[in-house]
Protein backbone atom coordinates (compact mmCIF):
# COMPACT_ATOMS: atom_id res chain seq x y z
CA UNK A 1 104.89 89.73 78.29
CA UNK A 2 105.95 86.93 80.62
CA UNK A 3 106.77 87.30 84.30
CA UNK A 4 110.49 86.77 83.69
CA UNK A 5 110.46 89.66 81.18
CA UNK A 6 108.79 91.89 83.77
CA UNK A 7 111.37 90.88 86.38
CA UNK A 8 114.22 91.69 83.99
CA UNK A 9 112.65 95.06 83.27
CA UNK A 10 112.36 95.77 87.00
CA UNK A 11 116.00 94.82 87.44
CA UNK A 12 116.96 97.16 84.58
CA UNK A 13 115.15 99.96 86.46
CA UNK A 14 117.20 99.20 89.56
CA UNK A 15 114.65 97.39 91.72
CA UNK A 16 115.91 94.70 94.09
CA UNK A 17 112.93 92.34 93.82
CA UNK A 18 109.97 91.88 91.50
CA UNK A 19 107.07 89.46 91.45
CA UNK A 20 103.77 89.24 89.61
CA UNK A 21 100.44 88.05 90.98
CA UNK A 22 96.84 88.03 89.87
CA UNK A 23 94.71 91.06 90.73
CA UNK A 24 92.05 89.18 92.66
CA UNK A 25 90.19 90.58 95.67
CA UNK A 26 91.68 90.19 99.13
CA UNK A 27 91.46 86.83 100.83
CA UNK A 28 91.07 88.71 104.12
CA UNK A 29 87.97 90.84 103.51
CA UNK A 30 86.09 89.60 106.57
CA UNK A 31 89.13 90.04 108.80
CA UNK A 32 89.71 93.61 107.57
CA UNK A 33 86.06 94.55 108.14
CA UNK A 34 86.16 93.10 111.68
CA UNK A 35 89.54 94.72 112.40
CA UNK A 36 88.11 98.13 111.45
CA UNK A 37 84.85 97.50 113.36
CA UNK A 38 86.92 96.70 116.47
CA UNK A 39 88.78 100.05 116.06
CA UNK A 40 92.09 98.22 115.82
CA UNK A 41 93.31 100.88 113.36
CA UNK A 42 93.54 103.44 116.18
CA UNK A 43 94.08 106.97 114.87
CA UNK A 44 94.81 105.76 111.33
CA UNK A 45 91.32 106.64 110.07
CA UNK A 46 92.57 106.61 106.47
CA UNK A 47 92.59 102.79 106.63
CA UNK A 48 88.79 102.79 106.47
CA UNK A 49 88.77 105.16 103.48
CA UNK A 50 88.33 103.68 100.01
CA UNK A 51 87.75 100.25 101.53
CA UNK A 52 86.31 98.90 98.28
CA UNK A 53 89.61 99.74 96.52
CA UNK A 54 91.70 98.43 99.40
CA UNK A 55 89.95 95.06 99.16
CA UNK A 56 89.68 94.73 95.37
CA UNK A 57 92.34 96.02 92.92
CA UNK A 58 89.73 96.08 90.14
CA UNK A 59 88.27 99.15 91.87
CA UNK A 60 91.63 100.94 91.43
CA UNK A 61 92.07 99.94 87.79
CA UNK A 62 88.98 98.64 86.03
CA UNK A 63 89.69 95.28 84.44
CA UNK A 64 92.94 94.75 86.37
CA UNK A 65 94.41 91.31 85.65
CA UNK A 66 97.83 91.36 87.30
CA UNK A 67 99.77 93.24 89.94
CA UNK A 68 103.49 93.78 89.55
CA UNK A 69 105.07 94.09 93.00
CA UNK A 70 108.53 95.52 93.43
CA UNK A 71 110.80 95.97 96.42
CA UNK A 72 113.95 97.95 96.86
CA UNK A 73 116.70 98.52 99.40
CA UNK A 74 116.77 101.53 101.69
CA UNK A 75 119.95 103.59 101.46
CA UNK A 76 122.75 102.27 103.62
CA UNK A 77 125.06 104.71 105.29
CA UNK A 78 127.03 104.44 108.44
CA UNK A 79 125.75 106.55 111.35
CA UNK A 80 127.93 109.46 112.48
CA UNK A 81 130.85 108.50 114.72
CA UNK A 82 130.45 108.78 118.48
CA UNK A 83 131.57 112.06 119.97
CA UNK A 84 131.38 114.04 116.72
CA UNK A 85 129.62 117.36 116.26
CA UNK A 86 126.93 115.87 114.01
CA UNK A 87 123.51 115.33 115.56
CA UNK A 88 122.89 111.71 116.52
CA UNK A 89 119.87 109.59 117.09
CA UNK A 90 118.06 106.53 115.86
CA UNK A 91 116.24 107.26 112.63
CA UNK A 92 114.41 104.66 110.56
CA UNK A 93 116.42 103.73 107.50
CA UNK A 94 113.62 104.70 105.09
CA UNK A 95 113.96 108.30 106.39
CA UNK A 96 117.73 108.58 105.81
CA UNK A 97 117.47 109.89 102.28
CA UNK A 98 115.04 111.75 100.07
CA UNK A 99 111.35 110.84 100.15
CA UNK A 100 111.27 107.28 98.84
CA UNK A 101 107.70 107.74 97.58
CA UNK A 102 108.91 110.24 94.96
CA UNK A 103 112.02 108.23 94.07
CA UNK A 104 110.22 104.91 93.67
CA UNK A 105 107.23 106.43 91.85
CA UNK A 106 109.51 108.07 89.28
CA UNK A 107 111.14 104.70 88.57
CA UNK A 108 107.74 102.97 88.47
CA UNK A 109 106.48 105.48 85.89
CA UNK A 110 109.57 104.80 83.76
CA UNK A 111 108.97 101.06 84.06
CA UNK A 112 105.28 101.48 83.15
CA UNK A 113 106.28 103.52 80.09
CA UNK A 114 108.57 100.68 79.01
CA UNK A 115 105.78 98.14 79.58
CA UNK A 116 103.37 100.26 77.51
CA UNK A 117 105.79 100.19 74.59
CA UNK A 118 105.66 96.39 74.55
CA UNK A 119 101.99 96.11 75.50
CA UNK A 120 100.25 99.26 74.17
CA UNK A 121 96.78 97.72 74.52
CA UNK A 122 97.20 97.33 78.29
CA UNK A 123 96.61 99.93 81.01
CA UNK A 124 99.03 100.45 83.89
CA UNK A 125 98.65 102.24 87.21
CA UNK A 126 101.62 102.99 89.45
CA UNK A 127 101.28 103.12 93.22
CA UNK A 128 103.68 103.30 96.10
CA UNK A 129 102.42 102.54 99.63
CA UNK A 130 100.16 105.60 99.56
CA UNK A 131 97.48 103.96 97.37
CA UNK A 132 94.62 102.16 99.12
CA UNK A 133 95.88 98.65 98.41
CA UNK A 134 96.80 95.81 100.74
CA UNK A 135 100.32 95.82 99.34
CA UNK A 136 101.70 93.27 101.81
CA UNK A 137 99.08 90.71 100.76
CA UNK A 138 99.86 91.26 97.07
CA UNK A 139 103.62 91.12 97.68
CA UNK A 140 103.14 87.84 99.55
CA UNK A 141 101.14 86.41 96.66
CA UNK A 142 103.84 87.60 94.26
CA UNK A 143 106.50 85.77 96.27
CA UNK A 144 108.49 88.80 97.42
CA UNK A 145 106.97 89.64 100.82
CA UNK A 146 105.04 88.45 103.80
CA UNK A 147 102.30 89.58 106.13
CA UNK A 148 103.54 89.83 109.68
CA UNK A 149 102.30 91.46 112.84
């Protein structure tokens, strides 16, 4: 299956963006090790867990060749009007609706099922941002994201 076919499949499953990249190890291994050694991760101890997987996708799926990265829009709703009885406050857009992990993962599983039908000899593993992967690096490589601060 070609990248354009994968992108069309992602679009059919309602995703806003899709890109494909190779499943090579991180280009930032030394930086990540130093960042952790310097305790820059603060109280996020989970970032040092499964470091071998975080730095090499092959440790998550043996023989991994490609990573399909998708992106989607957060729900857009207008905040309650001033002076109303509804509670008000600033809430991150990702928290406005149901748990996006469950919503996205369900759609990813459906997409993986469709991919398996066309490529039954291949293995697929779905992950949202809860898997130990450097998803921003992979999204950047796939042309749909960037690594910022």
